[in-house]
Amino acid sequence: MATSLAIAFVAALHLLFMVLEMFFWRKPLGRRIFGLNSELAGQTAALAANQGLYNGFLAAGLIWSLTSPPNATAISVFFLTCVIVAGVFGAITAKRSILFIQALPGAVALAIVLVSG
């Protein structure tokens, strides 16, 4: 149960990231969350939407792992590893807080998956 909850939490985070990046990037909420002014938000909206789509794919893979019992561990390990790598890369290249917002929940979930076998 803890494994499923941890994976579902990380999937929900990535669905939230997807929605924020794809649909709220130019809106006041998105600009406030990401610290953007209107001009920069407009200039980077296509890049953010693309990034949001990738976050949606991560969420979809994690949800798939929850609905695919025979391969659940392998699928979840793969997608959680992708989450961690993306979070570490984002922390190095964009903003340090991504390490805690994205990579850390993914790492905790991965540890729970690995411990539960």
PDB file of N, CA and C in Angstrom:
ATOM      1  N   MET A   1       0.813  -1.191   0.000  1.00  0.00           N
ATOM      2  CA  MET A   1       0.000   0.000   0.000  1.00  0.00           C
ATOM      3  C   MET A   1       0.864   1.267   0.000  1.00  0.00           C
ATOM      4  N   ALA A   2       1.926   1.284   0.812  1.00  0.00           N
ATOM      5  CA  ALA A   2       2.828   2.438   0.848  1.00  0.00           C
ATOM      6  C   ALA A   2       3.475   2.663  -0.512  1.00  0.00           C
ATOM      7  N   THR A   3       3.810   1.583  -1.187  1.00  0.00           N
ATOM      8  CA  THR A   3       4.422   1.681  -2.510  1.00  0.00           C
ATOM      9  C   THR A   3       3.471   2.364  -3.483  1.00  0.00           C
ATOM     10  N   SER A   4       2.241   1.906  -3.521  1.00  0.00           N
ATOM     11  CA  SER A   4       1.256   2.498  -4.434  1.00  0.00           C
ATOM     12  C   SER A   4       1.008   3.960  -4.109  1.00  0.00           C
ATOM     13  N   LEU A   5       0.934   4.287  -2.830  1.00  0.00           N
ATOM     14  CA  LEU A   5       0.707   5.685  -2.438  1.00  0.00           C
ATOM     15  C   LEU A   5       1.881   6.574  -2.843  1.00  0.00           C
ATOM     16  N   ALA A   6       3.087   6.083  -2.653  1.00  0.00           N
ATOM     17  CA  ALA A   6       4.268   6.861  -3.021  1.00  0.00           C
ATOM     18  C   ALA A   6       4.319   7.092  -4.530  1.00  0.00           C
ATOM     19  N   ILE A   7       4.048   6.049  -5.294  1.00  0.00           N
ATOM     20  CA  ILE A   7       4.049   6.179  -6.755  1.00  0.00           C
ATOM     21  C   ILE A   7       2.928   7.111  -7.196  1.00  0.00           C
ATOM     22  N   ALA A   8       1.752   6.966  -6.616  1.00  0.00           N
ATOM     23  CA  ALA A   8       0.612   7.826  -6.969  1.00  0.00           C
ATOM     24  C   ALA A   8       0.912   9.281  -6.628  1.00  0.00           C
ATOM     25  N   PHE A   9       1.589   9.530  -5.512  1.00  0.00           N
ATOM     26  CA  PHE A   9       1.950  10.893  -5.135  1.00  0.00           C
ATOM     27  C   PHE A   9       2.869  11.518  -6.185  1.00  0.00           C
ATOM     28  N   VAL A  10       3.889  10.788  -6.602  1.00  0.00           N
ATOM     29  CA  VAL A  10       4.823  11.304  -7.606  1.00  0.00           C
ATOM     30  C   VAL A  10       4.096  11.502  -8.938  1.00  0.00           C
ATOM     31  N   ALA A  11       3.210  10.580  -9.296  1.00  0.00           N
ATOM     32  CA  ALA A  11       2.422  10.741 -10.525  1.00  0.00           C
ATOM     33  C   ALA A  11       1.557  11.989 -10.442  1.00  0.00           C
ATOM     34  N   ALA A  12       0.921  12.218  -9.296  1.00  0.00           N
ATOM     35  CA  ALA A  12       0.073  13.405  -9.130  1.00  0.00           C
ATOM     36  C   ALA A  12       0.901  14.689  -9.233  1.00  0.00           C
ATOM     37  N   LEU A  13       2.094  14.683  -8.654  1.00  0.00           N
ATOM     38  CA  LEU A  13       2.975  15.844  -8.790  1.00  0.00           C
ATOM     39  C   LEU A  13       3.245  16.145 -10.263  1.00  0.00           C
ATOM     40  N   HIS A  14       3.523  15.101 -11.038  1.00  0.00           N
ATOM     41  CA  HIS A  14       3.859  15.315 -12.443  1.00  0.00           C
ATOM     42  C   HIS A  14       2.638  15.717 -13.266  1.00  0.00           C
ATOM     43  N   LEU A  15       1.470  15.263 -12.877  1.00  0.00           N
ATOM     44  CA  LEU A  15       0.258  15.764 -13.532  1.00  0.00           C
ATOM     45  C   LEU A  15       0.083  17.251 -13.219  1.00  0.00           C
ATOM     46  N   LEU A  16       0.353  17.632 -11.989  1.00  0.00           N
ATOM     47  CA  LEU A  16       0.283  19.047 -11.612  1.00  0.00           C
ATOM     48  C   LEU A  16       1.307  19.859 -12.403  1.00  0.00           C
ATOM     49  N   PHE A  17       2.539  19.375 -12.484  1.00  0.00           N
ATOM     50  CA  PHE A  17       3.560  20.074 -13.268  1.00  0.00           C
ATOM     51  C   PHE A  17       3.097  20.231 -14.713  1.00  0.00           C
ATOM     52  N   MET A  18       2.525  19.167 -15.272  1.00  0.00           N
ATOM     53  CA  MET A  18       2.049  19.201 -16.650  1.00  0.00           C
ATOM     54  C   MET A  18       1.000  20.302 -16.835  1.00  0.00           C
ATOM     55  N   VAL A  19       0.026  20.330 -15.962  1.00  0.00           N
ATOM     56  CA  VAL A  19      -1.047  21.325 -16.065  1.00  0.00           C
ATOM     57  C   VAL A  19      -0.483  22.742 -15.928  1.00  0.00           C
ATOM     58  N   LEU A  20       0.378  22.941 -14.943  1.00  0.00           N
ATOM     59  CA  LEU A  20       0.972  24.266 -14.755  1.00  0.00           C
ATOM     60  C   LEU A  20       1.766  24.709 -15.971  1.00  0.00           C
ATOM     61  N   GLU A  21       2.580  23.817 -16.507  1.00  0.00           N
ATOM     62  CA  GLU A  21       3.449  24.182 -17.627  1.00  0.00           C
ATOM     63  C   GLU A  21       2.702  24.299 -18.949  1.00  0.00           C
ATOM     64  N   MET A  22       1.695  23.483 -19.145  1.00  0.00           N
ATOM     65  CA  MET A  22       0.986  23.505 -20.424  1.00  0.00           C
ATOM     66  C   MET A  22      -0.158  24.512 -20.471  1.00  0.00           C
ATOM     67  N   PHE A  23      -0.825  24.737 -19.352  1.00  0.00           N
ATOM     68  CA  PHE A  23      -2.054  25.538 -19.381  1.00  0.00           C
ATOM     69  C   PHE A  23      -2.008  26.806 -18.534  1.00  0.00           C
ATOM     70  N   PHE A  24      -1.092  26.898 -17.577  1.00  0.00           N
ATOM     71  CA  PHE A  24      -1.062  28.058 -16.693  1.00  0.00           C
ATOM     72  C   PHE A  24       0.229  28.870 -16.778  1.00  0.00           C
ATOM     73  N   TRP A  25       1.114  28.507 -17.691  1.00  0.00           N
ATOM     74  CA  TRP A  25       2.409  29.163 -17.803  1.00  0.00           C
ATOM     75  C   TRP A  25       2.270  30.677 -17.964  1.00  0.00           C
ATOM     76  N   ARG A  26       1.357  31.124 -18.820  1.00  0.00           N
ATOM     77  CA  ARG A  26       1.168  32.558 -19.092  1.00  0.00           C
ATOM     78  C   ARG A  26       0.174  33.222 -18.143  1.00  0.00           C
ATOM     79  N   LYS A  27      -0.522  32.431 -17.375  1.00  0.00           N
ATOM     80  CA  LYS A  27      -1.534  32.958 -16.452  1.00  0.00           C
ATOM     81  C   LYS A  27      -0.855  33.473 -15.180  1.00  0.00           C
ATOM     82  N   PRO A  28      -1.545  34.338 -14.430  1.00  0.00           N
ATOM     83  CA  PRO A  28      -0.948  34.870 -13.201  1.00  0.00           C
ATOM     84  C   PRO A  28      -0.462  33.777 -12.233  1.00  0.00           C
ATOM     85  N   LEU A  29      -1.218  32.713 -12.074  1.00  0.00           N
ATOM     86  CA  LEU A  29      -0.810  31.629 -11.173  1.00  0.00           C
ATOM     87  C   LEU A  29       0.514  31.018 -11.629  1.00  0.00           C
ATOM     88  N   GLY A  30       0.604  30.668 -12.891  1.00  0.00           N
ATOM     89  CA  GLY A  30       1.828  30.072 -13.421  1.00  0.00           C
ATOM     90  C   GLY A  30       3.008  31.022 -13.349  1.00  0.00           C
ATOM     91  N   ARG A  31       2.778  32.276 -13.707  1.00  0.00           N
ATOM     92  CA  ARG A  31       3.876  33.262 -13.642  1.00  0.00           C
ATOM     93  C   ARG A  31       4.360  33.437 -12.207  1.00  0.00           C
ATOM     94  N   ARG A  32       3.434  33.434 -11.253  1.00  0.00           N
ATOM     95  CA  ARG A  32       3.819  33.584  -9.852  1.00  0.00           C
ATOM     96  C   ARG A  32       4.610  32.361  -9.367  1.00  0.00           C
ATOM     97  N   ILE A  33       4.120  31.161  -9.693  1.00  0.00           N
ATOM     98  CA  ILE A  33       4.793  29.927  -9.254  1.00  0.00           C
ATOM     99  C   ILE A  33       6.200  29.826  -9.836  1.00  0.00           C
ATOM    100  N   PHE A  34       6.339  30.174 -11.120  1.00  0.00           N
ATOM    101  CA  PHE A  34       7.629  30.018 -11.782  1.00  0.00           C
ATOM    102  C   PHE A  34       8.466  31.296 -11.781  1.00  0.00           C
ATOM    103  N   GLY A  35       7.951  32.365 -11.177  1.00  0.00           N
ATOM    104  CA  GLY A  35       8.713  33.606 -11.071  1.00  0.00           C
ATOM    105  C   GLY A  35       8.970  34.277 -12.405  1.00  0.00           C
ATOM    106  N   LEU A  36       7.942  34.337 -13.247  1.00  0.00           N
ATOM    107  CA  LEU A  36       8.095  34.892 -14.587  1.00  0.00           C
ATOM    108  C   LEU A  36       7.336  36.199 -14.733  1.00  0.00           C
ATOM    109  N   ASN A  37       7.872  37.092 -15.548  1.00  0.00           N
ATOM    110  CA  ASN A  37       7.072  38.240 -15.944  1.00  0.00           C
ATOM    111  C   ASN A  37       6.292  37.859 -17.203  1.00  0.00           C
ATOM    112  N   SER A  38       5.355  38.693 -17.577  1.00  0.00           N
ATOM    113  CA  SER A  38       4.479  38.384 -18.708  1.00  0.00           C
ATOM    114  C   SER A  38       5.262  38.176 -20.006  1.00  0.00           C
ATOM    115  N   GLU A  39       6.252  39.014 -20.223  1.00  0.00           N
ATOM    116  CA  GLU A  39       7.040  38.919 -21.455  1.00  0.00           C
ATOM    117  C   GLU A  39       7.806  37.600 -21.539  1.00  0.00           C
ATOM    118  N   LEU A  40       8.498  37.245 -20.475  1.00  0.00           N
ATOM    119  CA  LEU A  40       9.266  35.994 -20.474  1.00  0.00           C
ATOM    120  C   LEU A  40       8.340  34.788 -20.586  1.00  0.00           C
ATOM    121  N   ALA A  41       7.209  34.839 -19.907  1.00  0.00           N
ATOM    122  CA  ALA A  41       6.245  33.736 -19.997  1.00  0.00           C
ATOM    123  C   ALA A  41       5.786  33.547 -21.434  1.00  0.00           C
ATOM    124  N   GLY A  42       5.517  34.647 -22.123  1.00  0.00           N
ATOM    125  CA  GLY A  42       5.104  34.554 -23.526  1.00  0.00           C
ATOM    126  C   GLY A  42       6.199  33.996 -24.420  1.00  0.00           C
ATOM    127  N   GLN A  43       7.423  34.413 -24.167  1.00  0.00           N
ATOM    128  CA  GLN A  43       8.554  33.959 -24.986  1.00  0.00           C
ATOM    129  C   GLN A  43       8.886  32.487 -24.775  1.00  0.00           C
ATOM    130  N   THR A  44       8.578  31.961 -23.610  1.00  0.00           N
ATOM    131  CA  THR A  44       8.981  30.589 -23.279  1.00  0.00           C
ATOM    132  C   THR A  44       7.799  29.615 -23.209  1.00  0.00           C
ATOM    133  N   ALA A  45       6.614  30.052 -23.577  1.00  0.00           N
ATOM    134  CA  ALA A  45       5.414  29.223 -23.430  1.00  0.00           C
ATOM    135  C   ALA A  45       5.505  27.910 -24.210  1.00  0.00           C
ATOM    136  N   ALA A  46       6.040  27.947 -25.417  1.00  0.00           N
ATOM    137  CA  ALA A  46       6.137  26.712 -26.206  1.00  0.00           C
ATOM    138  C   ALA A  46       7.108  25.726 -25.558  1.00  0.00           C
ATOM    139  N   LEU A  47       8.206  26.228 -25.030  1.00  0.00           N
ATOM    140  CA  LEU A  47       9.158  25.354 -24.340  1.00  0.00           C
ATOM    141  C   LEU A  47       8.525  24.758 -23.084  1.00  0.00           C
ATOM    142  N   ALA A  48       7.784  25.577 -22.356  1.00  0.00           N
ATOM    143  CA  ALA A  48       7.129  25.087 -21.139  1.00  0.00           C
ATOM    144  C   ALA A  48       6.084  24.028 -21.469  1.00  0.00           C
ATOM    145  N   ALA A  49       5.334  24.239 -22.539  1.00  0.00           N
ATOM    146  CA  ALA A  49       4.322  23.253 -22.936  1.00  0.00           C
ATOM    147  C   ALA A  49       4.987  21.925 -23.296  1.00  0.00           C
ATOM    148  N   ASN A  50       6.111  21.989 -23.978  1.00  0.00           N
ATOM    149  CA  ASN A  50       6.849  20.777 -24.323  1.00  0.00           C
ATOM    150  C   ASN A  50       7.329  20.075 -23.061  1.00  0.00           C
ATOM    151  N   GLN A  51       7.852  20.841 -22.127  1.00  0.00           N
ATOM    152  CA  GLN A  51       8.297  20.278 -20.856  1.00  0.00           C
ATOM    153  C   GLN A  51       7.122  19.678 -20.095  1.00  0.00           C
ATOM    154  N   GLY A  52       5.981  20.350 -20.141  1.00  0.00           N
ATOM    155  CA  GLY A  52       4.778  19.839 -19.492  1.00  0.00           C
ATOM    156  C   GLY A  52       4.346  18.507 -20.077  1.00  0.00           C
ATOM    157  N   LEU A  53       4.460  18.393 -21.395  1.00  0.00           N
ATOM    158  CA  LEU A  53       4.106  17.137 -22.045  1.00  0.00           C
ATOM    159  C   LEU A  53       4.975  15.993 -21.535  1.00  0.00           C
ATOM    160  N   TYR A  54       6.264  16.249 -21.379  1.00  0.00           N
ATOM    161  CA  TYR A  54       7.160  15.222 -20.845  1.00  0.00           C
ATOM    162  C   TYR A  54       6.781  14.852 -19.414  1.00  0.00           C
ATOM    163  N   ASN A  55       6.392  15.831 -18.624  1.00  0.00           N
ATOM    164  CA  ASN A  55       5.937  15.518 -17.267  1.00  0.00           C
ATOM    165  C   ASN A  55       4.671  14.670 -17.305  1.00  0.00           C
ATOM    166  N   GLY A  56       3.810  14.923 -18.279  1.00  0.00           N
ATOM    167  CA  GLY A  56       2.624  14.083 -18.451  1.00  0.00           C
ATOM    168  C   GLY A  56       2.994  12.649 -18.791  1.00  0.00           C
ATOM    169  N   PHE A  57       4.023  12.482 -19.615  1.00  0.00           N
ATOM    170  CA  PHE A  57       4.476  11.125 -19.951  1.00  0.00           C
ATOM    171  C   PHE A  57       5.023  10.410 -18.719  1.00  0.00           C
ATOM    172  N   LEU A  58       5.754  11.135 -17.868  1.00  0.00           N
ATOM    173  CA  LEU A  58       6.246  10.523 -16.631  1.00  0.00           C
ATOM    174  C   LEU A  58       5.083  10.081 -15.757  1.00  0.00           C
ATOM    175  N   ALA A  59       4.080  10.940 -15.631  1.00  0.00           N
ATOM    176  CA  ALA A  59       2.897  10.587 -14.836  1.00  0.00           C
ATOM    177  C   ALA A  59       2.198   9.375 -15.439  1.00  0.00           C
ATOM    178  N   ALA A  60       2.053   9.354 -16.750  1.00  0.00           N
ATOM    179  CA  ALA A  60       1.388   8.231 -17.410  1.00  0.00           C
ATOM    180  C   ALA A  60       2.136   6.922 -17.155  1.00  0.00           C
ATOM    181  N   GLY A  61       3.457   6.962 -17.212  1.00  0.00           N
ATOM    182  CA  GLY A  61       4.243   5.757 -16.936  1.00  0.00           C
ATOM    183  C   GLY A  61       4.078   5.284 -15.509  1.00  0.00           C
ATOM    184  N   LEU A  62       4.038   6.212 -14.578  1.00  0.00           N
ATOM    185  CA  LEU A  62       3.849   5.824 -13.177  1.00  0.00           C
ATOM    186  C   LEU A  62       2.452   5.264 -12.943  1.00  0.00           C
ATOM    187  N   ILE A  63       1.458   5.865 -13.571  1.00  0.00           N
ATOM    188  CA  ILE A  63       0.095   5.337 -13.467  1.00  0.00           C
ATOM    189  C   ILE A  63       0.028   3.953 -14.107  1.00  0.00           C
ATOM    190  N   TRP A  64       0.692   3.785 -15.222  1.00  0.00           N
ATOM    191  CA  TRP A  64       0.763   2.472 -15.877  1.00  0.00           C
ATOM    192  C   TRP A  64       1.343   1.443 -14.913  1.00  0.00           C
ATOM    193  N   SER A  65       2.386   1.818 -14.178  1.00  0.00           N
ATOM    194  CA  SER A  65       2.989   0.857 -13.245  1.00  0.00           C
ATOM    195  C   SER A  65       2.001   0.442 -12.158  1.00  0.00           C
ATOM    196  N   LEU A  66       1.096   1.329 -11.801  1.00  0.00           N
ATOM    197  CA  LEU A  66       0.090   1.002 -10.783  1.00  0.00           C
ATOM    198  C   LEU A  66      -0.992   0.068 -11.300  1.00  0.00           C
ATOM    199  N   THR A  67      -1.135  -0.002 -12.614  1.00  0.00           N
ATOM    200  CA  THR A  67      -2.212  -0.805 -13.208  1.00  0.00           C
ATOM    201  C   THR A  67      -1.684  -2.032 -13.945  1.00  0.00           C
ATOM    202  N   SER A  68      -0.412  -2.335 -13.773  1.00  0.00           N
ATOM    203  CA  SER A  68       0.206  -3.443 -14.495  1.00  0.00           C
ATOM    204  C   SER A  68       0.952  -4.363 -13.534  1.00  0.00           C
ATOM    205  N   PRO A  69       0.205  -5.121 -12.699  1.00  0.00           N
ATOM    206  CA  PRO A  69       0.842  -5.927 -11.647  1.00  0.00           C
ATOM    207  C   PRO A  69       1.995  -6.832 -12.078  1.00  0.00           C
ATOM    208  N   PRO A  70       1.909  -7.531 -13.214  1.00  0.00           N
ATOM    209  CA  PRO A  70       3.027  -8.440 -13.519  1.00  0.00           C
ATOM    210  C   PRO A  70       4.366  -7.710 -13.716  1.00  0.00           C
ATOM    211  N   ASN A  71       4.309  -6.481 -14.194  1.00  0.00           N
ATOM    212  CA  ASN A  71       5.540  -5.732 -14.483  1.00  0.00           C
ATOM    213  C   ASN A  71       5.660  -4.467 -13.647  1.00  0.00           C
ATOM    214  N   ALA A  72       4.873  -4.346 -12.607  1.00  0.00           N
ATOM    215  CA  ALA A  72       4.776  -3.090 -11.856  1.00  0.00           C
ATOM    216  C   ALA A  72       6.121  -2.609 -11.328  1.00  0.00           C
ATOM    217  N   THR A  73       6.906  -3.496 -10.766  1.00  0.00           N
ATOM    218  CA  THR A  73       8.173  -3.067 -10.171  1.00  0.00           C
ATOM    219  C   THR A  73       9.122  -2.528 -11.228  1.00  0.00           C
ATOM    220  N   ALA A  74       9.293  -3.259 -12.312  1.00  0.00           N
ATOM    221  CA  ALA A  74      10.211  -2.815 -13.363  1.00  0.00           C
ATOM    222  C   ALA A  74       9.758  -1.491 -13.972  1.00  0.00           C
ATOM    223  N   ILE A  75       8.472  -1.365 -14.221  1.00  0.00           N
ATOM    224  CA  ILE A  75       7.946  -0.128 -14.815  1.00  0.00           C
ATOM    225  C   ILE A  75       8.126   1.038 -13.853  1.00  0.00           C
ATOM    226  N   SER A  76       7.784   0.832 -12.583  1.00  0.00           N
ATOM    227  CA  SER A  76       7.905   1.926 -11.627  1.00  0.00           C
ATOM    228  C   SER A  76       9.363   2.312 -11.402  1.00  0.00           C
ATOM    229  N   VAL A  77      10.262   1.341 -11.343  1.00  0.00           N
ATOM    230  CA  VAL A  77      11.687   1.649 -11.180  1.00  0.00           C
ATOM    231  C   VAL A  77      12.178   2.483 -12.356  1.00  0.00           C
ATOM    232  N   PHE A  78      11.800   2.103 -13.561  1.00  0.00           N
ATOM    233  CA  PHE A  78      12.220   2.861 -14.744  1.00  0.00           C
ATOM    234  C   PHE A  78      11.723   4.300 -14.683  1.00  0.00           C
ATOM    235  N   PHE A  79      10.427   4.484 -14.477  1.00  0.00           N
ATOM    236  CA  PHE A  79       9.870   5.840 -14.514  1.00  0.00           C
ATOM    237  C   PHE A  79      10.296   6.674 -13.313  1.00  0.00           C
ATOM    238  N   LEU A  80      10.441   6.077 -12.147  1.00  0.00           N
ATOM    239  CA  LEU A  80      10.937   6.837 -11.000  1.00  0.00           C
ATOM    240  C   LEU A  80      12.393   7.247 -11.210  1.00  0.00           C
ATOM    241  N   THR A  81      13.179   6.390 -11.839  1.00  0.00           N
ATOM    242  CA  THR A  81      14.551   6.756 -12.176  1.00  0.00           C
ATOM    243  C   THR A  81      14.567   7.922 -13.158  1.00  0.00           C
ATOM    244  N   CYS A  82      13.673   7.896 -14.126  1.00  0.00           N
ATOM    245  CA  CYS A  82      13.559   9.022 -15.069  1.00  0.00           C
ATOM    246  C   CYS A  82      13.199  10.311 -14.333  1.00  0.00           C
ATOM    247  N   VAL A  83      12.288  10.226 -13.378  1.00  0.00           N
ATOM    248  CA  VAL A  83      11.898  11.381 -12.567  1.00  0.00           C
ATOM    249  C   VAL A  83      13.114  11.941 -11.825  1.00  0.00           C
ATOM    250  N   ILE A  84      13.885  11.052 -11.211  1.00  0.00           N
ATOM    251  CA  ILE A  84      15.056  11.482 -10.448  1.00  0.00           C
ATOM    252  C   ILE A  84      16.089  12.138 -11.357  1.00  0.00           C
ATOM    253  N   VAL A  85      16.375  11.517 -12.488  1.00  0.00           N
ATOM    254  CA  VAL A  85      17.354  12.077 -13.425  1.00  0.00           C
ATOM    255  C   VAL A  85      16.883  13.449 -13.916  1.00  0.00           C
ATOM    256  N   ALA A  86      15.610  13.570 -14.266  1.00  0.00           N
ATOM    257  CA  ALA A  86      15.074  14.858 -14.718  1.00  0.00           C
ATOM    258  C   ALA A  86      15.171  15.902 -13.607  1.00  0.00           C
ATOM    259  N   GLY A  87      14.897  15.497 -12.386  1.00  0.00           N
ATOM    260  CA  GLY A  87      14.979  16.423 -11.262  1.00  0.00           C
ATOM    261  C   GLY A  87      16.398  16.885 -10.987  1.00  0.00           C
ATOM    262  N   VAL A  88      17.337  15.971 -11.042  1.00  0.00           N
ATOM    263  CA  VAL A  88      18.742  16.334 -10.827  1.00  0.00           C
ATOM    264  C   VAL A  88      19.219  17.250 -11.951  1.00  0.00           C
ATOM    265  N   PHE A  89      18.880  16.916 -13.177  1.00  0.00           N
ATOM    266  CA  PHE A  89      19.279  17.748 -14.316  1.00  0.00           C
ATOM    267  C   PHE A  89      18.655  19.135 -14.203  1.00  0.00           C
ATOM    268  N   GLY A  90      17.379  19.196 -13.835  1.00  0.00           N
ATOM    269  CA  GLY A  90      16.712  20.483 -13.661  1.00  0.00           C
ATOM    270  C   GLY A  90      17.354  21.306 -12.556  1.00  0.00           C
ATOM    271  N   ALA A  91      17.763  20.645 -11.484  1.00  0.00           N
ATOM    272  CA  ALA A  91      18.419  21.352 -10.378  1.00  0.00           C
ATOM    273  C   ALA A  91      19.764  21.920 -10.808  1.00  0.00           C
ATOM    274  N   ILE A  92      20.473  21.192 -11.655  1.00  0.00           N
ATOM    275  CA  ILE A  92      21.781  21.645 -12.128  1.00  0.00           C
ATOM    276  C   ILE A  92      21.643  22.758 -13.158  1.00  0.00           C
ATOM    277  N   THR A  93      20.673  22.626 -14.049  1.00  0.00           N
ATOM    278  CA  THR A  93      20.589  23.546 -15.182  1.00  0.00           C
ATOM    279  C   THR A  93      19.584  24.676 -15.029  1.00  0.00           C
ATOM    280  N   ALA A  94      18.597  24.528 -14.150  1.00  0.00           N
ATOM    281  CA  ALA A  94      17.549  25.545 -14.083  1.00  0.00           C
ATOM    282  C   ALA A  94      17.413  26.165 -12.698  1.00  0.00           C
ATOM    283  N   LYS A  95      17.013  25.367 -11.719  1.00  0.00           N
ATOM    284  CA  LYS A  95      16.727  25.914 -10.396  1.00  0.00           C
ATOM    285  C   LYS A  95      16.956  24.830  -9.348  1.00  0.00           C
ATOM    286  N   ARG A  96      17.727  25.144  -8.345  1.00  0.00           N
ATOM    287  CA  ARG A  96      18.105  24.162  -7.325  1.00  0.00           C
ATOM    288  C   ARG A  96      16.898  23.524  -6.637  1.00  0.00           C
ATOM    289  N   SER A  97      15.812  24.268  -6.467  1.00  0.00           N
ATOM    290  CA  SER A  97      14.641  23.746  -5.749  1.00  0.00           C
ATOM    291  C   SER A  97      13.999  22.556  -6.454  1.00  0.00           C
ATOM    292  N   ILE A  98      14.283  22.386  -7.739  1.00  0.00           N
ATOM    293  CA  ILE A  98      13.746  21.238  -8.480  1.00  0.00           C
ATOM    294  C   ILE A  98      14.243  19.929  -7.858  1.00  0.00           C
ATOM    295  N   LEU A  99      15.424  19.977  -7.283  1.00  0.00           N
ATOM    296  CA  LEU A  99      15.962  18.786  -6.617  1.00  0.00           C
ATOM    297  C   LEU A  99      15.021  18.311  -5.515  1.00  0.00           C
ATOM    298  N   PHE A 100      14.446  19.243  -4.779  1.00  0.00           N
ATOM    299  CA  PHE A 100      13.579  18.898  -3.653  1.00  0.00           C
ATOM    300  C   PHE A 100      12.128  18.688  -4.068  1.00  0.00           C
ATOM    301  N   ILE A 101      11.704  19.397  -5.102  1.00  0.00           N
ATOM    302  CA  ILE A 101      10.313  19.322  -5.547  1.00  0.00           C
ATOM    303  C   ILE A 101      10.065  18.095  -6.413  1.00  0.00           C
ATOM    304  N   GLN A 102      11.055  17.712  -7.219  1.00  0.00           N
ATOM    305  CA  GLN A 102      10.874  16.605  -8.161  1.00  0.00           C
ATOM    306  C   GLN A 102      11.729  15.391  -7.818  1.00  0.00           C
ATOM    307  N   ALA A 103      13.025  15.582  -7.682  1.00  0.00           N
ATOM    308  CA  ALA A 103      13.920  14.428  -7.508  1.00  0.00           C
ATOM    309  C   ALA A 103      13.737  13.749  -6.151  1.00  0.00           C
ATOM    310  N   LEU A 104      13.594  14.523  -5.088  1.00  0.00           N
ATOM    311  CA  LEU A 104      13.475  13.929  -3.760  1.00  0.00           C
ATOM    312  C   LEU A 104      12.229  13.049  -3.616  1.00  0.00           C
ATOM    313  N   PRO A 105      11.035  13.517  -4.009  1.00  0.00           N
ATOM    314  CA  PRO A 105       9.878  12.606  -3.933  1.00  0.00           C
ATOM    315  C   PRO A 105      10.070  11.351  -4.784  1.00  0.00           C
ATOM    316  N   GLY A 106      10.686  11.502  -5.954  1.00  0.00           N
ATOM    317  CA  GLY A 106      10.959  10.345  -6.794  1.00  0.00           C
ATOM    318  C   GLY A 106      11.919   9.377  -6.132  1.00  0.00           C
ATOM    319  N   ALA A 107      12.946   9.911  -5.467  1.00  0.00           N
ATOM    320  CA  ALA A 107      13.926   9.061  -4.786  1.00  0.00           C
ATOM    321  C   ALA A 107      13.299   8.340  -3.597  1.00  0.00           C
ATOM    322  N   VAL A 108      12.459   9.031  -2.856  1.00  0.00           N
ATOM    323  CA  VAL A 108      11.777   8.389  -1.724  1.00  0.00           C
ATOM    324  C   VAL A 108      10.880   7.272  -2.234  1.00  0.00           C
ATOM    325  N   ALA A 109      10.110   7.560  -3.284  1.00  0.00           N
ATOM    326  CA  ALA A 109       9.223   6.535  -3.854  1.00  0.00           C
ATOM    327  C   ALA A 109      10.035   5.353  -4.377  1.00  0.00           C
ATOM    328  N   LEU A 110      11.144   5.626  -5.036  1.00  0.00           N
ATOM    329  CA  LEU A 110      11.998   4.547  -5.557  1.00  0.00           C
ATOM    330  C   LEU A 110      12.540   3.699  -4.396  1.00  0.00           C
ATOM    331  N   ALA A 111      12.962   4.329  -3.330  1.00  0.00           N
ATOM    332  CA  ALA A 111      13.450   3.580  -2.171  1.00  0.00           C
ATOM    333  C   ALA A 111      12.361   2.689  -1.605  1.00  0.00           C
ATOM    334  N   ILE A 112      11.150   3.198  -1.527  1.00  0.00           N
ATOM    335  CA  ILE A 112      10.025   2.388  -1.019  1.00  0.00           C
ATOM    336  C   ILE A 112       9.768   1.199  -1.948  1.00  0.00           C
ATOM    337  N   VAL A 113       9.801   1.440  -3.246  1.00  0.00           N
ATOM    338  CA  VAL A 113       9.596   0.353  -4.217  1.00  0.00           C
ATOM    339  C   VAL A 113      10.685  -0.714  -4.051  1.00  0.00           C
ATOM    340  N   LEU A 114      11.932  -0.289  -3.949  1.00  0.00           N
ATOM    341  CA  LEU A 114      13.041  -1.242  -3.856  1.00  0.00           C
ATOM    342  C   LEU A 114      13.022  -2.014  -2.540  1.00  0.00           C
ATOM    343  N   VAL A 115      12.662  -1.353  -1.456  1.00  0.00           N
ATOM    344  CA  VAL A 115      12.612  -2.024  -0.152  1.00  0.00           C
ATOM    345  C   VAL A 115      11.461  -3.018  -0.109  1.00  0.00           C
ATOM    346  N   SER A 116      10.357  -2.665  -0.743  1.00  0.00           N
ATOM    347  CA  SER A 116       9.185  -3.557  -0.712  1.00  0.00           C
ATOM    348  C   SER A 116       9.333  -4.745  -1.653  1.00  0.00           C
ATOM    349  N   GLY A 117      10.334  -4.675  -2.508  1.00  0.00           N
ATOM    350  CA  GLY A 117      10.662  -5.802  -3.365  1.00  0.00           C
ATOM    351  C   GLY A 117       9.759  -5.954  -4.507  1.00  0.00           C
TER     352      GLY A 117
END
